[in-house]
C-alpha atoms as a PDB file:
ATOM      1  CA  UNK A   1     187.390 -17.014  -6.767  1.00  0.00           C
ATOM      2  CA  UNK A   2     185.152 -15.433  -9.359  1.00  0.00           C
ATOM      3  CA  UNK A   3     184.744 -11.737 -10.061  1.00  0.00           C
ATOM      4  CA  UNK A   4     182.247 -11.889 -12.896  1.00  0.00           C
ATOM      5  CA  UNK A   5     178.572 -11.059 -12.617  1.00  0.00           C
ATOM      6  CA  UNK A   6     177.281 -14.492 -13.577  1.00  0.00           C
ATOM      7  CA  UNK A   7     178.169 -16.065 -10.266  1.00  0.00           C
ATOM      8  CA  UNK A   8     179.599 -19.185 -11.894  1.00  0.00           C
ATOM      9  CA  UNK A   9     182.084 -21.019  -9.745  1.00  0.00           C
ATOM     10  CA  UNK A  10     181.155 -19.269  -6.517  1.00  0.00           C
ATOM     11  CA  UNK A  11     182.521 -21.305  -3.641  1.00  0.00           C
ATOM     12  CA  UNK A  12     180.315 -22.851  -1.014  1.00  0.00           C
ATOM     13  CA  UNK A  13     181.067 -21.378   2.393  1.00  0.00           C
ATOM     14  CA  UNK A  14     181.744 -23.307   5.544  1.00  0.00           C
ATOM     15  CA  UNK A  15     180.262 -20.289   7.288  1.00  0.00           C
ATOM     16  CA  UNK A  16     181.522 -20.609  10.837  1.00  0.00           C
ATOM     17  CA  UNK A  17     185.068 -21.732  10.058  1.00  0.00           C
ATOM     18  CA  UNK A  18     186.018 -19.961   6.834  1.00  0.00           C
ATOM     19  CA  UNK A  19     184.441 -16.632   7.759  1.00  0.00           C
ATOM     20  CA  UNK A  20     186.109 -16.491  11.140  1.00  0.00           C
ATOM     21  CA  UNK A  21     189.527 -17.369   9.724  1.00  0.00           C
ATOM     22  CA  UNK A  22     189.232 -14.854   6.898  1.00  0.00           C
ATOM     23  CA  UNK A  23     187.941 -12.077   9.143  1.00  0.00           C
ATOM     24  CA  UNK A  24     190.626 -12.625  11.767  1.00  0.00           C
ATOM     25  CA  UNK A  25     193.304 -12.610   9.060  1.00  0.00           C
ATOM     26  CA  UNK A  26     191.920  -9.340   7.652  1.00  0.00           C
ATOM     27  CA  UNK A  27     191.803  -7.796  11.111  1.00  0.00           C
ATOM     28  CA  UNK A  28     195.511  -8.564  11.549  1.00  0.00           C
ATOM     29  CA  UNK A  29     196.535  -7.555   8.016  1.00  0.00           C
ATOM     30  CA  UNK A  30     194.139  -5.420   5.967  1.00  0.00           C
ATOM     31  CA  UNK A  31     195.687  -6.758   2.772  1.00  0.00           C
ATOM     32  CA  UNK A  32     193.900 -10.030   3.584  1.00  0.00           C
ATOM     33  CA  UNK A  33     190.570  -8.202   3.262  1.00  0.00           C
ATOM     34  CA  UNK A  34     190.845  -9.019  -0.448  1.00  0.00           C
ATOM     35  CA  UNK A  35     189.867 -12.607   0.404  1.00  0.00           C
ATOM     36  CA  UNK A  36     186.638 -11.404   2.008  1.00  0.00           C
ATOM     37  CA  UNK A  37     186.013  -9.090  -0.918  1.00  0.00           C
ATOM     38  CA  UNK A  38     186.418 -11.969  -3.376  1.00  0.00           C
ATOM     39  CA  UNK A  39     184.140 -14.190  -1.328  1.00  0.00           C
ATOM     40  CA  UNK A  40     181.324 -11.712  -0.767  1.00  0.00           C
ATOM     41  CA  UNK A  41     181.473  -9.254  -3.655  1.00  0.00           C
ATOM     42  CA  UNK A  42     178.872 -10.965  -5.778  1.00  0.00           C
ATOM     43  CA  UNK A  43     176.460 -11.582  -2.917  1.00  0.00           C
ATOM     44  CA  UNK A  44     176.586  -7.949  -1.833  1.00  0.00           C
ATOM     45  CA  UNK A  45     176.274  -6.764  -5.420  1.00  0.00           C
ATOM     46  CA  UNK A  46     173.235  -8.999  -5.937  1.00  0.00           C
ATOM     47  CA  UNK A  47     171.662  -7.663  -2.743  1.00  0.00           C
ATOM     48  CA  UNK A  48     172.246  -4.045  -3.771  1.00  0.00           C
ATOM     49  CA  UNK A  49     171.216  -4.500  -7.394  1.00  0.00           C
ATOM     50  CA  UNK A  50     167.821  -5.891  -6.409  1.00  0.00           C
ATOM     51  CA  UNK A  51     167.154  -2.670  -4.501  1.00  0.00           C
ATOM     52  CA  UNK A  52     168.822  -0.157  -6.817  1.00  0.00           C
ATOM     53  CA  UNK A  53     167.906  -0.869 -10.405  1.00  0.00           C
ATOM     54  CA  UNK A  54     170.590   1.297 -12.042  1.00  0.00           C
ATOM     55  CA  UNK A  55     173.689  -0.835 -12.685  1.00  0.00           C
ATOM     56  CA  UNK A  56     176.197   2.000 -12.246  1.00  0.00           C
ATOM     57  CA  UNK A  57     174.601   3.058  -8.963  1.00  0.00           C
ATOM     58  CA  UNK A  58     174.575  -0.578  -7.796  1.00  0.00           C
ATOM     59  CA  UNK A  59     178.269  -0.880  -8.587  1.00  0.00           C
ATOM     60  CA  UNK A  60     179.035   2.405  -6.804  1.00  0.00           C
ATOM     61  CA  UNK A  61     177.081   1.389  -3.709  1.00  0.00           C
ATOM     62  CA  UNK A  62     178.722  -2.042  -3.647  1.00  0.00           C
ATOM     63  CA  UNK A  63     182.111  -0.374  -3.854  1.00  0.00           C
ATOM     64  CA  UNK A  64     181.138   1.903  -0.972  1.00  0.00           C
ATOM     65  CA  UNK A  65     180.028  -1.096   1.106  1.00  0.00           C
ATOM     66  CA  UNK A  66     183.417  -2.756   0.813  1.00  0.00           C
ATOM     67  CA  UNK A  67     185.227   0.517   1.387  1.00  0.00           C
ATOM     68  CA  UNK A  68     183.291   1.036   4.634  1.00  0.00           C
ATOM     69  CA  UNK A  69     183.846  -2.591   5.651  1.00  0.00           C
ATOM     70  CA  UNK A  70     187.579  -2.290   5.010  1.00  0.00           C
ATOM     71  CA  UNK A  71     187.779   0.832   7.151  1.00  0.00           C
ATOM     72  CA  UNK A  72     185.810  -0.825   9.983  1.00  0.00           C
ATOM     73  CA  UNK A  73     187.127  -4.409   9.760  1.00  0.00           C
ATOM     74  CA  UNK A  74     189.253  -4.017  12.896  1.00  0.00           C
ATOM     75  CA  UNK A  75     186.172  -3.043  14.910  1.00  0.00           C
ATOM     76  CA  UNK A  76     184.098  -6.031  13.742  1.00  0.00           C
ATOM     77  CA  UNK A  77     183.060  -8.274  16.640  1.00  0.00           C
ATOM     78  CA  UNK A  78     181.581 -11.761  16.389  1.00  0.00           C
ATOM     79  CA  UNK A  79     178.015 -11.977  17.608  1.00  0.00           C
ATOM     80  CA  UNK A  80     175.202 -14.419  16.895  1.00  0.00           C
ATOM     81  CA  UNK A  81     175.128 -13.564  13.176  1.00  0.00           C
ATOM     82  CA  UNK A  82     177.559 -14.313  10.352  1.00  0.00           C
ATOM     83  CA  UNK A  83     180.013 -11.765   8.954  1.00  0.00           C
ATOM     84  CA  UNK A  84     177.876 -11.576   5.829  1.00  0.00           C
ATOM     85  CA  UNK A  85     175.008 -10.120   7.893  1.00  0.00           C
ATOM     86  CA  UNK A  86     177.371  -7.321   8.950  1.00  0.00           C
ATOM     87  CA  UNK A  87     178.131  -6.646   5.274  1.00  0.00           C
ATOM     88  CA  UNK A  88     174.423  -6.669   4.418  1.00  0.00           C
ATOM     89  CA  UNK A  89     173.766  -4.179   7.241  1.00  0.00           C
ATOM     90  CA  UNK A  90     176.429  -1.891   5.740  1.00  0.00           C
ATOM     91  CA  UNK A  91     174.813  -2.412   2.332  1.00  0.00           C
ATOM     92  CA  UNK A  92     171.349  -1.592   3.692  1.00  0.00           C
ATOM     93  CA  UNK A  93     172.671   1.582   5.291  1.00  0.00           C
ATOM     94  CA  UNK A  94     174.460   2.516   2.071  1.00  0.00           C
ATOM     95  CA  UNK A  95     171.241   2.043   0.111  1.00  0.00           C
ATOM     96  CA  UNK A  96     169.363   4.245   2.578  1.00  0.00           C
ATOM     97  CA  UNK A  97     172.120   6.861   2.239  1.00  0.00           C
ATOM     98  CA  UNK A  98     171.793   6.593  -1.534  1.00  0.00           C
ATOM     99  CA  UNK A  99     168.036   7.212  -1.446  1.00  0.00           C
ATOM    100  CA  UNK A 100     168.502  10.110   0.992  1.00  0.00           C
ATOM    101  CA  UNK A 101     171.036  11.669  -1.358  1.00  0.00           C
ATOM    102  CA  UNK A 102     168.657  11.275  -4.293  1.00  0.00           C
ATOM    103  CA  UNK A 103     165.808  12.634  -2.217  1.00  0.00           C
ATOM    104  CA  UNK A 104     167.880  15.633  -1.270  1.00  0.00           C
ATOM    105  CA  UNK A 105     169.129  16.211  -4.828  1.00  0.00           C
ATOM    106  CA  UNK A 106     165.901  15.546  -6.675  1.00  0.00           C
ATOM    107  CA  UNK A 107     163.247  15.829  -3.969  1.00  0.00           C
ATOM    108  CA  UNK A 108     162.443  12.152  -4.427  1.00  0.00           C
ATOM    109  CA  UNK A 109     159.291  10.928  -2.766  1.00  0.00           C
ATOM    110  CA  UNK A 110     159.399   9.687   0.821  1.00  0.00           C
ATOM    111  CA  UNK A 111     158.148   6.298  -0.337  1.00  0.00           C
ATOM    112  CA  UNK A 112     161.490   5.583  -2.038  1.00  0.00           C
ATOM    113  CA  UNK A 113     163.293   6.086   1.250  1.00  0.00           C
ATOM    114  CA  UNK A 114     160.773   3.951   3.134  1.00  0.00           C
ATOM    115  CA  UNK A 115     161.144   1.184   0.541  1.00  0.00           C
ATOM    116  CA  UNK A 116     164.905   1.202   1.080  1.00  0.00           C
ATOM    117  CA  UNK A 117     164.608   0.677   4.861  1.00  0.00           C
ATOM    118  CA  UNK A 118     165.553  -2.849   5.854  1.00  0.00           C
ATOM    119  CA  UNK A 119     165.205  -4.362   9.297  1.00  0.00           C
ATOM    120  CA  UNK A 120     167.854  -6.436  11.045  1.00  0.00           C
ATOM    121  CA  UNK A 121     165.565  -9.462  10.734  1.00  0.00           C
ATOM    122  CA  UNK A 122     165.312  -8.935   6.959  1.00  0.00           C
ATOM    123  CA  UNK A 123     169.095  -8.744   6.667  1.00  0.00           C
ATOM    124  CA  UNK A 124     169.605 -11.861   8.769  1.00  0.00           C
ATOM    125  CA  UNK A 125     166.997 -13.712   6.714  1.00  0.00           C
ATOM    126  CA  UNK A 126     168.674 -12.556   3.482  1.00  0.00           C
ATOM    127  CA  UNK A 127     172.060 -13.738   4.780  1.00  0.00           C
ATOM    128  CA  UNK A 128     170.536 -17.089   5.748  1.00  0.00           C
ATOM    129  CA  UNK A 129     169.012 -17.481   2.280  1.00  0.00           C
ATOM    130  CA  UNK A 130     172.369 -16.734   0.640  1.00  0.00           C
ATOM    131  CA  UNK A 131     173.978 -19.365   2.868  1.00  0.00           C
ATOM    132  CA  UNK A 132     171.320 -21.916   1.996  1.00  0.00           C
ATOM    133  CA  UNK A 133     171.693 -21.200  -1.721  1.00  0.00           C
ATOM    134  CA  UNK A 134     175.457 -21.646  -1.388  1.00  0.00           C
ATOM    135  CA  UNK A 135     174.868 -25.090   0.129  1.00  0.00           C
ATOM    136  CA  UNK A 136     173.004 -26.287  -2.981  1.00  0.00           C
ATOM    137  CA  UNK A 137     174.753 -28.513  -5.517  1.00  0.00           C
ATOM    138  CA  UNK A 138     176.616 -26.456  -8.141  1.00  0.00           C
ATOM    139  CA  UNK A 139     174.103 -26.987 -10.972  1.00  0.00           C
ATOM    140  CA  UNK A 140     171.107 -26.085  -8.780  1.00  0.00           C
ATOM    141  CA  UNK A 141     172.936 -23.048  -7.350  1.00  0.00           C
ATOM    142  CA  UNK A 142     173.757 -21.842 -10.848  1.00  0.00           C
ATOM    143  CA  UNK A 143     170.139 -22.189 -12.011  1.00  0.00           C
ATOM    144  CA  UNK A 144     168.800 -20.353  -8.940  1.00  0.00           C
ATOM    145  CA  UNK A 145     171.293 -17.567  -9.480  1.00  0.00           C
ATOM    146  CA  UNK A 146     170.553 -17.179 -13.180  1.00  0.00           C
ATOM    147  CA  UNK A 147     166.800 -17.372 -12.652  1.00  0.00           C
ATOM    148  CA  UNK A 148     166.317 -15.167  -9.608  1.00  0.00           C
ATOM    149  CA  UNK A 149     169.297 -12.845  -9.507  1.00  0.00           C
ATOM    150  CA  UNK A 150     169.930 -12.317 -13.193  1.00  0.00           C
ATOM    151  CA  UNK A 151     166.223 -12.883 -13.908  1.00  0.00           C
ATOM    152  CA  UNK A 152     166.827 -14.951 -17.014  1.00  0.00           C
ATOM    153  CA  UNK A 153     164.145 -17.055 -18.630  1.00  0.00           C
ATOM    154  CA  UNK A 154     164.205 -20.840 -18.541  1.00  0.00           C
ATOM    155  CA  UNK A 155     165.096 -20.831 -22.233  1.00  0.00           C
ATOM    156  CA  UNK A 156     168.025 -18.432 -21.706  1.00  0.00           C
ATOM    157  CA  UNK A 157     169.334 -20.516 -18.825  1.00  0.00           C
ATOM    158  CA  UNK A 158     169.038 -23.725 -20.849  1.00  0.00           C
ATOM    159  CA  UNK A 159     171.048 -22.189 -23.660  1.00  0.00           C
ATOM    160  CA  UNK A 160     173.690 -20.813 -21.304  1.00  0.00           C
ATOM    161  CA  UNK A 161     174.275 -24.039 -19.365  1.00  0.00           C
ATOM    162  CA  UNK A 162     173.661 -26.273 -22.389  1.00  0.00           C
ATOM    163  CA  UNK A 163     170.820 -28.287 -20.914  1.00  0.00           C
ATOM    164  CA  UNK A 164     167.238 -28.807 -21.983  1.00  0.00           C
ATOM    165  CA  UNK A 165     164.515 -26.513 -20.685  1.00  0.00           C
ATOM    166  CA  UNK A 166     163.006 -29.501 -18.881  1.00  0.00           C
ATOM    167  CA  UNK A 167     166.309 -30.169 -17.120  1.00  0.00           C
ATOM    168  CA  UNK A 168     166.523 -26.526 -16.048  1.00  0.00           C
ATOM    169  CA  UNK A 169     162.965 -26.634 -14.702  1.00  0.00           C
ATOM    170  CA  UNK A 170     163.773 -29.809 -12.781  1.00  0.00           C
ATOM    171  CA  UNK A 171     166.955 -28.284 -11.305  1.00  0.00           C
ATOM    172  CA  UNK A 172     165.009 -25.193 -10.279  1.00  0.00           C
ATOM    173  CA  UNK A 173     162.219 -27.287  -8.747  1.00  0.00           C
ATOM    174  CA  UNK A 174     164.662 -29.409  -6.738  1.00  0.00           C
ATOM    175  CA  UNK A 175     166.607 -26.363  -5.567  1.00  0.00           C
ATOM    176  CA  UNK A 176     163.495 -24.490  -4.440  1.00  0.00           C
ATOM    177  CA  UNK A 177     162.114 -27.582  -2.736  1.00  0.00           C
ATOM    178  CA  UNK A 178     165.379 -28.061  -0.842  1.00  0.00           C
ATOM    179  CA  UNK A 179     165.548 -24.369   0.104  1.00  0.00           C
ATOM    180  CA  UNK A 180     161.928 -24.383   1.290  1.00  0.00           C
ATOM    181  CA  UNK A 181     162.531 -27.478   3.424  1.00  0.00           C
ATOM    182  CA  UNK A 182     165.698 -25.985   4.946  1.00  0.00           C
ATOM    183  CA  UNK A 183     163.980 -22.651   5.655  1.00  0.00           C
ATOM    184  CA  UNK A 184     161.004 -24.342   7.277  1.00  0.00           C
ATOM    185  CA  UNK A 185     163.396 -26.388   9.395  1.00  0.00           C
ATOM    186  CA  UNK A 186     165.274 -23.242  10.438  1.00  0.00           C
ATOM    187  CA  UNK A 187     162.032 -21.434  11.351  1.00  0.00           C
ATOM    188  CA  UNK A 188     160.795 -24.319  13.502  1.00  0.00           C
END
């Protein structure tokens, strides 16, 4: 598993099987929670960092998410959503708590708090998008991650993965086309 912030080498998830096995193992032995942490750390960090622009605060909130999840893992129950949606709900609540704390400390505007509110449908959609991205071929997944999570330019991505800018554009186009098709199919 990968702990770095580039997201290279992130495993694709067989969502229904792997999640259930990992969660059940962690519920029996909390030391096994490390497997879930390894699997979901980057996704949760990416989710938080797009909503909290300060890197240190994003790291702190992500840490808090996994701390809360570890404490509550034994109470987790399977429903009609994946485990990752549960983590994203914890992350959304942690972000709201973060903005409330800032608001209290600095009298931040109410609009910051409202912007941090996330509905269950938004979280489920975000989880579904992460799952769809994980199902992409490795090179397409890497380009999507670098482009939209790390917000790198086409040129920067081309240099990093040692491909031409045209190849990067083509990988991005194919990935987005596949994601769009899968999302439209899921919405139908």
